[in-house]
């Protein structure tokens, strides 16, 4: 009985450690993105929905305007929201409610706004950085920005 109790306590401590680490990592990545002062807008040209990943996917954009020519955070953070190279971008966010032709307006330090094309709804919120390593493994395989 005593061994079982010790095992339960160690399990709870281990679980708490990993939940705390996950939360700190997620907050660090989101804070890092918000501090970029990145501002851009683009039109969705391709949507890649990732099976079994809570509607997350890859949104490919044609940049309409941006305050940066290139943005690639992969060397500085483990989880990231987007990559920009010239007039192309990929945003790693919810894919299923979005439609081809929708416009995405991002102000990293303030908000994200989706403007639907062809009568689709207008929506706004903040950047949600997915902390799932499997999601980024999928992105690495399917991104147009290979390393």
C-alpha atoms as a PDB file:
ATOM      1  CA  UNK A   1       0.000   0.000   0.000  1.00  0.00           C
ATOM      2  CA  UNK A   2       2.839   2.362   0.875  1.00  0.00           C
ATOM      3  CA  UNK A   3       4.556   1.725  -2.484  1.00  0.00           C
ATOM      4  CA  UNK A   4       1.319   2.405  -4.295  1.00  0.00           C
ATOM      5  CA  UNK A   5       0.887   5.724  -2.448  1.00  0.00           C
ATOM      6  CA  UNK A   6       4.477   6.752  -3.267  1.00  0.00           C
ATOM      7  CA  UNK A   7       3.917   5.814  -6.898  1.00  0.00           C
ATOM      8  CA  UNK A   8       0.734   7.930  -7.006  1.00  0.00           C
ATOM      9  CA  UNK A   9       2.546  10.929  -5.461  1.00  0.00           C
ATOM     10  CA  UNK A  10       5.465  10.620  -7.900  1.00  0.00           C
ATOM     11  CA  UNK A  11       2.979  10.341 -10.782  1.00  0.00           C
ATOM     12  CA  UNK A  12       1.153  13.498  -9.693  1.00  0.00           C
ATOM     13  CA  UNK A  13       4.433  15.417  -9.362  1.00  0.00           C
ATOM     14  CA  UNK A  14       5.595  14.178 -12.773  1.00  0.00           C
ATOM     15  CA  UNK A  15       2.267  15.108 -14.373  1.00  0.00           C
ATOM     16  CA  UNK A  16       2.363  18.565 -12.748  1.00  0.00           C
ATOM     17  CA  UNK A  17       5.890  19.139 -13.996  1.00  0.00           C
ATOM     18  CA  UNK A  18       4.949  18.354 -17.624  1.00  0.00           C
ATOM     19  CA  UNK A  19       1.744  20.406 -17.534  1.00  0.00           C
ATOM     20  CA  UNK A  20       3.676  23.353 -16.099  1.00  0.00           C
ATOM     21  CA  UNK A  21       6.468  22.966 -18.668  1.00  0.00           C
ATOM     22  CA  UNK A  22       3.929  22.811 -21.509  1.00  0.00           C
ATOM     23  CA  UNK A  23       2.212  25.975 -20.242  1.00  0.00           C
ATOM     24  CA  UNK A  24       5.484  27.877 -19.867  1.00  0.00           C
ATOM     25  CA  UNK A  25       6.647  26.841 -23.353  1.00  0.00           C
ATOM     26  CA  UNK A  26       3.335  27.830 -24.907  1.00  0.00           C
ATOM     27  CA  UNK A  27       3.363  31.228 -23.154  1.00  0.00           C
ATOM     28  CA  UNK A  28       6.978  31.843 -24.185  1.00  0.00           C
ATOM     29  CA  UNK A  29       6.225  31.110 -27.844  1.00  0.00           C
ATOM     30  CA  UNK A  30       3.094  33.281 -27.850  1.00  0.00           C
ATOM     31  CA  UNK A  31       4.933  36.125 -26.121  1.00  0.00           C
ATOM     32  CA  UNK A  32       7.769  35.821 -28.620  1.00  0.00           C
ATOM     33  CA  UNK A  33       5.294  36.147 -31.507  1.00  0.00           C
ATOM     34  CA  UNK A  34       3.490  39.105 -29.945  1.00  0.00           C
ATOM     35  CA  UNK A  35       6.785  40.950 -29.451  1.00  0.00           C
ATOM     36  CA  UNK A  36       7.666  40.776 -33.159  1.00  0.00           C
ATOM     37  CA  UNK A  37       5.350  43.712 -33.960  1.00  0.00           C
ATOM     38  CA  UNK A  38       4.620  41.841 -37.183  1.00  0.00           C
ATOM     39  CA  UNK A  39       1.800  43.377 -39.225  1.00  0.00           C
ATOM     40  CA  UNK A  40       0.635  41.846 -42.503  1.00  0.00           C
ATOM     41  CA  UNK A  41      -2.399  40.933 -44.535  1.00  0.00           C
ATOM     42  CA  UNK A  42      -2.901  38.338 -47.213  1.00  0.00           C
ATOM     43  CA  UNK A  43      -5.433  36.347 -49.182  1.00  0.00           C
ATOM     44  CA  UNK A  44      -5.791  32.608 -48.557  1.00  0.00           C
ATOM     45  CA  UNK A  45      -4.741  30.694 -51.661  1.00  0.00           C
ATOM     46  CA  UNK A  46      -4.594  27.151 -50.243  1.00  0.00           C
ATOM     47  CA  UNK A  47      -5.919  25.401 -47.143  1.00  0.00           C
ATOM     48  CA  UNK A  48      -4.394  22.162 -45.895  1.00  0.00           C
ATOM     49  CA  UNK A  49      -6.471  20.649 -43.110  1.00  0.00           C
ATOM     50  CA  UNK A  50      -4.556  18.275 -40.875  1.00  0.00           C
ATOM     51  CA  UNK A  51      -6.512  15.110 -40.075  1.00  0.00           C
ATOM     52  CA  UNK A  52      -7.254  14.547 -36.375  1.00  0.00           C
ATOM     53  CA  UNK A  53      -5.692  17.810 -35.183  1.00  0.00           C
ATOM     54  CA  UNK A  54      -8.640  19.812 -33.794  1.00  0.00           C
ATOM     55  CA  UNK A  55      -9.223  21.739 -37.064  1.00  0.00           C
ATOM     56  CA  UNK A  56      -5.681  23.109 -37.194  1.00  0.00           C
ATOM     57  CA  UNK A  57      -3.986  23.294 -40.546  1.00  0.00           C
ATOM     58  CA  UNK A  58      -1.743  25.214 -42.904  1.00  0.00           C
ATOM     59  CA  UNK A  59      -3.116  28.328 -44.566  1.00  0.00           C
ATOM     60  CA  UNK A  60      -1.099  29.541 -47.536  1.00  0.00           C
ATOM     61  CA  UNK A  61      -1.386  33.237 -48.279  1.00  0.00           C
ATOM     62  CA  UNK A  62      -0.465  35.670 -50.981  1.00  0.00           C
ATOM     63  CA  UNK A  63       0.793  38.714 -49.088  1.00  0.00           C
ATOM     64  CA  UNK A  64      -1.016  41.963 -49.859  1.00  0.00           C
ATOM     65  CA  UNK A  65       1.112  44.102 -47.546  1.00  0.00           C
ATOM     66  CA  UNK A  66       3.536  43.534 -44.704  1.00  0.00           C
ATOM     67  CA  UNK A  67       5.926  45.485 -42.517  1.00  0.00           C
ATOM     68  CA  UNK A  68       8.566  42.768 -43.093  1.00  0.00           C
ATOM     69  CA  UNK A  69       9.881  41.028 -46.184  1.00  0.00           C
ATOM     70  CA  UNK A  70      10.816  37.805 -44.361  1.00  0.00           C
ATOM     71  CA  UNK A  71       9.850  36.302 -41.028  1.00  0.00           C
ATOM     72  CA  UNK A  72      10.999  32.814 -40.048  1.00  0.00           C
ATOM     73  CA  UNK A  73      11.063  32.095 -36.293  1.00  0.00           C
ATOM     74  CA  UNK A  74      12.045  28.407 -36.551  1.00  0.00           C
ATOM     75  CA  UNK A  75      15.579  29.010 -35.258  1.00  0.00           C
ATOM     76  CA  UNK A  76      14.399  30.830 -32.137  1.00  0.00           C
ATOM     77  CA  UNK A  77      11.208  29.067 -30.966  1.00  0.00           C
ATOM     78  CA  UNK A  78       9.878  25.537 -31.049  1.00  0.00           C
ATOM     79  CA  UNK A  79       6.265  26.450 -31.830  1.00  0.00           C
ATOM     80  CA  UNK A  80       5.323  29.289 -34.154  1.00  0.00           C
ATOM     81  CA  UNK A  81       2.314  30.903 -35.808  1.00  0.00           C
ATOM     82  CA  UNK A  82       3.538  31.801 -39.285  1.00  0.00           C
ATOM     83  CA  UNK A  83       6.396  32.125 -41.777  1.00  0.00           C
ATOM     84  CA  UNK A  84       6.726  34.862 -44.401  1.00  0.00           C
ATOM     85  CA  UNK A  85       9.063  34.777 -47.383  1.00  0.00           C
ATOM     86  CA  UNK A  86       8.615  37.577 -49.894  1.00  0.00           C
ATOM     87  CA  UNK A  87       5.036  37.619 -51.162  1.00  0.00           C
ATOM     88  CA  UNK A  88       4.155  34.182 -49.724  1.00  0.00           C
ATOM     89  CA  UNK A  89       3.214  33.195 -46.196  1.00  0.00           C
ATOM     90  CA  UNK A  90       1.971  30.205 -44.269  1.00  0.00           C
ATOM     91  CA  UNK A  91      -0.151  30.611 -41.161  1.00  0.00           C
ATOM     92  CA  UNK A  92      -0.481  27.668 -38.774  1.00  0.00           C
ATOM     93  CA  UNK A  93      -3.894  28.060 -37.191  1.00  0.00           C
ATOM     94  CA  UNK A  94      -7.495  26.838 -37.384  1.00  0.00           C
ATOM     95  CA  UNK A  95      -8.217  25.881 -40.981  1.00  0.00           C
ATOM     96  CA  UNK A  96     -11.745  24.518 -41.134  1.00  0.00           C
ATOM     97  CA  UNK A  97     -13.801  27.733 -40.835  1.00  0.00           C
ATOM     98  CA  UNK A  98     -11.619  29.510 -43.427  1.00  0.00           C
ATOM     99  CA  UNK A  99     -12.308  29.644 -47.158  1.00  0.00           C
ATOM    100  CA  UNK A 100     -10.155  30.235 -50.227  1.00  0.00           C
ATOM    101  CA  UNK A 101     -10.149  33.951 -50.970  1.00  0.00           C
ATOM    102  CA  UNK A 102     -10.657  35.020 -47.346  1.00  0.00           C
ATOM    103  CA  UNK A 103      -8.375  37.838 -46.209  1.00  0.00           C
ATOM    104  CA  UNK A 104      -6.301  37.537 -43.063  1.00  0.00           C
ATOM    105  CA  UNK A 105      -5.127  40.699 -41.272  1.00  0.00           C
ATOM    106  CA  UNK A 106      -2.540  40.133 -38.544  1.00  0.00           C
ATOM    107  CA  UNK A 107      -1.169  42.566 -36.027  1.00  0.00           C
ATOM    108  CA  UNK A 108       0.894  40.241 -33.834  1.00  0.00           C
ATOM    109  CA  UNK A 109       0.849  42.507 -30.794  1.00  0.00           C
ATOM    110  CA  UNK A 110      -2.909  43.137 -30.987  1.00  0.00           C
ATOM    111  CA  UNK A 111      -5.179  40.822 -32.948  1.00  0.00           C
ATOM    112  CA  UNK A 112      -5.926  38.662 -35.942  1.00  0.00           C
ATOM    113  CA  UNK A 113      -8.867  39.478 -38.168  1.00  0.00           C
ATOM    114  CA  UNK A 114     -10.406  37.207 -40.781  1.00  0.00           C
ATOM    115  CA  UNK A 115     -12.455  38.921 -43.477  1.00  0.00           C
ATOM    116  CA  UNK A 116     -14.516  36.422 -45.382  1.00  0.00           C
ATOM    117  CA  UNK A 117     -14.846  36.566 -49.126  1.00  0.00           C
ATOM    118  CA  UNK A 118     -18.130  36.026 -50.952  1.00  0.00           C
ATOM    119  CA  UNK A 119     -20.277  36.820 -47.930  1.00  0.00           C
ATOM    120  CA  UNK A 120     -18.489  34.658 -45.380  1.00  0.00           C
ATOM    121  CA  UNK A 121     -18.431  35.943 -41.810  1.00  0.00           C
ATOM    122  CA  UNK A 122     -15.951  38.381 -40.340  1.00  0.00           C
ATOM    123  CA  UNK A 123     -14.064  37.121 -37.297  1.00  0.00           C
ATOM    124  CA  UNK A 124     -11.297  38.312 -34.989  1.00  0.00           C
ATOM    125  CA  UNK A 125      -9.229  36.956 -32.133  1.00  0.00           C
ATOM    126  CA  UNK A 126      -5.664  36.419 -31.017  1.00  0.00           C
ATOM    127  CA  UNK A 127      -2.913  34.118 -32.232  1.00  0.00           C
ATOM    128  CA  UNK A 128      -3.320  30.595 -30.975  1.00  0.00           C
ATOM    129  CA  UNK A 129       0.017  28.831 -31.059  1.00  0.00           C
ATOM    130  CA  UNK A 130      -0.474  25.083 -31.087  1.00  0.00           C
ATOM    131  CA  UNK A 131       2.038  23.338 -28.770  1.00  0.00           C
ATOM    132  CA  UNK A 132       1.659  19.892 -30.363  1.00  0.00           C
ATOM    133  CA  UNK A 133       4.977  18.551 -31.700  1.00  0.00           C
ATOM    134  CA  UNK A 134       3.131  16.222 -34.057  1.00  0.00           C
ATOM    135  CA  UNK A 135       1.482  19.240 -35.671  1.00  0.00           C
ATOM    136  CA  UNK A 136       4.891  20.779 -36.405  1.00  0.00           C
ATOM    137  CA  UNK A 137       6.180  17.451 -37.741  1.00  0.00           C
ATOM    138  CA  UNK A 138       3.293  17.568 -40.225  1.00  0.00           C
ATOM    139  CA  UNK A 139       4.093  21.202 -41.074  1.00  0.00           C
ATOM    140  CA  UNK A 140       7.751  20.319 -41.730  1.00  0.00           C
ATOM    141  CA  UNK A 141       6.634  17.700 -44.262  1.00  0.00           C
ATOM    142  CA  UNK A 142       4.057  19.895 -46.045  1.00  0.00           C
ATOM    143  CA  UNK A 143       5.427  23.445 -45.875  1.00  0.00           C
ATOM    144  CA  UNK A 144       6.533  25.298 -48.967  1.00  0.00           C
ATOM    145  CA  UNK A 145       9.362  26.708 -46.847  1.00  0.00           C
ATOM    146  CA  UNK A 146      11.587  23.618 -46.647  1.00  0.00           C
ATOM    147  CA  UNK A 147      14.946  23.863 -44.945  1.00  0.00           C
END
